[in-house]
Amino acid sequence: MKLFAWNEIQTLGDLERLRLMLDSMPDEALMRTLECRLGKGRDADPVRAI
């Protein structure tokens, strides 16, 4: 049993494949680290929005 068929992924455009990859990557630890490093400095551009 497969999670998905390659031909379904292959027919997607580059941006759609990128979105699938980014959505599947665990990033909470990275976001927390970046937010801590941002500290109390400039918060005009929150890390999660970038």
N, C-alpha and C. Protein backbone atom coordinates (compact mmCIF):
# COMPACT_ATOMS: atom_id res chain seq x y z
N MET A 1 0.85 -1.18 0.00
CA MET A 1 0.00 0.00 0.00
C MET A 1 0.89 1.24 0.00
N LYS A 2 0.59 2.18 -0.85
CA LYS A 2 1.38 3.40 -0.97
C LYS A 2 0.62 4.58 -0.37
N LEU A 3 1.37 5.51 0.14
CA LEU A 3 0.77 6.73 0.67
C LEU A 3 0.23 7.58 -0.47
N PHE A 4 0.96 7.64 -1.56
CA PHE A 4 0.51 8.34 -2.76
C PHE A 4 1.22 7.74 -3.96
N ALA A 5 0.63 7.91 -5.09
CA ALA A 5 1.25 7.41 -6.32
C ALA A 5 2.13 8.51 -6.91
N TRP A 6 3.32 8.14 -7.36
CA TRP A 6 4.25 9.12 -7.90
C TRP A 6 3.64 9.90 -9.06
N ASN A 7 2.83 9.23 -9.89
CA ASN A 7 2.26 9.94 -11.04
C ASN A 7 1.31 11.06 -10.61
N GLU A 8 0.75 10.96 -9.41
CA GLU A 8 -0.08 12.06 -8.89
C GLU A 8 0.79 13.26 -8.52
N ILE A 9 1.95 13.01 -7.97
CA ILE A 9 2.87 14.08 -7.59
C ILE A 9 3.55 14.66 -8.82
N GLN A 10 3.90 13.80 -9.75
CA GLN A 10 4.62 14.23 -10.95
C GLN A 10 3.80 15.20 -11.79
N THR A 11 2.49 15.07 -11.76
CA THR A 11 1.65 15.95 -12.58
C THR A 11 1.45 17.33 -11.95
N LEU A 12 1.83 17.49 -10.69
CA LEU A 12 1.71 18.79 -10.03
C LEU A 12 2.78 19.75 -10.54
N GLY A 13 2.50 21.02 -10.40
CA GLY A 13 3.50 22.03 -10.74
C GLY A 13 4.55 22.14 -9.65
N ASP A 14 5.62 22.86 -9.94
CA ASP A 14 6.72 23.01 -8.99
C ASP A 14 6.27 23.62 -7.68
N LEU A 15 5.45 24.66 -7.73
CA LEU A 15 5.00 25.32 -6.51
C LEU A 15 4.10 24.41 -5.68
N GLU A 16 3.28 23.61 -6.34
CA GLU A 16 2.42 22.68 -5.61
C GLU A 16 3.26 21.60 -4.93
N ARG A 17 4.31 21.12 -5.59
CA ARG A 17 5.19 20.12 -4.97
C ARG A 17 5.97 20.75 -3.81
N LEU A 18 6.39 22.00 -3.97
CA LEU A 18 7.08 22.69 -2.89
C LEU A 18 6.16 22.84 -1.68
N ARG A 19 4.91 23.19 -1.91
CA ARG A 19 3.94 23.33 -0.82
C ARG A 19 3.73 22.00 -0.11
N LEU A 20 3.64 20.90 -0.85
CA LEU A 20 3.51 19.58 -0.23
C LEU A 20 4.70 19.28 0.67
N MET A 21 5.90 19.60 0.19
CA MET A 21 7.10 19.34 0.96
C MET A 21 7.15 20.21 2.22
N LEU A 22 6.87 21.49 2.07
CA LEU A 22 6.91 22.39 3.23
C LEU A 22 5.85 22.03 4.26
N ASP A 23 4.68 21.63 3.79
CA ASP A 23 3.61 21.25 4.72
C ASP A 23 3.94 20.00 5.50
N SER A 24 4.79 19.15 4.96
CA SER A 24 5.10 17.89 5.62
C SER A 24 6.33 17.97 6.52
N MET A 25 7.08 19.07 6.45
CA MET A 25 8.29 19.21 7.26
C MET A 25 7.95 19.72 8.66
N PRO A 26 8.48 19.07 9.70
CA PRO A 26 8.26 19.58 11.05
C PRO A 26 9.10 20.85 11.25
N ASP A 27 8.47 21.95 11.62
CA ASP A 27 9.21 23.21 11.73
C ASP A 27 9.01 23.93 13.06
N GLU A 28 8.28 23.34 13.99
CA GLU A 28 7.99 24.04 15.24
C GLU A 28 9.27 24.35 16.02
N ALA A 29 10.20 23.42 16.09
CA ALA A 29 11.45 23.66 16.82
C ALA A 29 12.24 24.80 16.17
N LEU A 30 12.29 24.83 14.86
CA LEU A 30 12.98 25.90 14.16
C LEU A 30 12.32 27.25 14.45
N MET A 31 11.00 27.31 14.38
CA MET A 31 10.29 28.56 14.64
C MET A 31 10.56 29.06 16.06
N ARG A 32 10.53 28.17 17.03
CA ARG A 32 10.78 28.58 18.43
C ARG A 32 12.20 29.10 18.60
N THR A 33 13.16 28.44 17.97
CA THR A 33 14.55 28.90 18.05
C THR A 33 14.70 30.28 17.44
N LEU A 34 14.13 30.48 16.26
CA LEU A 34 14.22 31.79 15.61
C LEU A 34 13.52 32.87 16.42
N GLU A 35 12.38 32.54 17.02
CA GLU A 35 11.66 33.52 17.85
C GLU A 35 12.48 33.89 19.08
N CYS A 36 13.18 32.93 19.67
CA CYS A 36 14.03 33.23 20.83
C CYS A 36 15.19 34.12 20.44
N ARG A 37 15.76 33.85 19.28
CA ARG A 37 16.89 34.68 18.82
C ARG A 37 16.44 36.08 18.46
N LEU A 38 15.21 36.21 18.00
CA LEU A 38 14.68 37.53 17.70
C LEU A 38 14.59 38.33 18.99
N GLY A 39 14.24 37.64 20.06
CA GLY A 39 14.19 38.25 21.38
C GLY A 39 13.26 39.44 21.45
N LYS A 40 13.75 40.50 22.09
CA LYS A 40 12.92 41.69 22.28
C LYS A 40 13.33 42.78 21.31
N GLY A 41 13.96 42.38 20.25
CA GLY A 41 14.37 43.35 19.23
C GLY A 41 13.19 43.76 18.39
N ARG A 42 13.47 44.14 17.21
CA ARG A 42 12.44 44.60 16.28
C ARG A 42 11.46 43.48 16.00
N ASP A 43 10.18 43.74 16.18
CA ASP A 43 9.17 42.71 15.94
C ASP A 43 8.21 43.10 14.82
N ALA A 44 8.66 43.98 13.94
CA ALA A 44 7.82 44.41 12.83
C ALA A 44 7.52 43.25 11.88
N ASP A 45 8.45 42.31 11.79
CA ASP A 45 8.27 41.16 10.91
C ASP A 45 8.36 39.88 11.74
N PRO A 46 7.24 39.38 12.24
CA PRO A 46 7.29 38.16 13.05
C PRO A 46 7.86 36.99 12.25
N VAL A 47 8.60 36.13 12.92
CA VAL A 47 9.26 35.00 12.27
C VAL A 47 8.25 34.13 11.52
N ARG A 48 7.13 33.83 12.12
CA ARG A 48 6.15 32.92 11.49
C ARG A 48 5.54 33.52 10.23
N ALA A 49 5.48 34.81 10.15
CA ALA A 49 4.92 35.44 8.94
C ALA A 49 5.92 35.41 7.79
N ILE A 50 7.19 35.39 8.13
CA ILE A 50 8.22 35.38 7.10
C ILE A 50 8.32 34.00 6.55
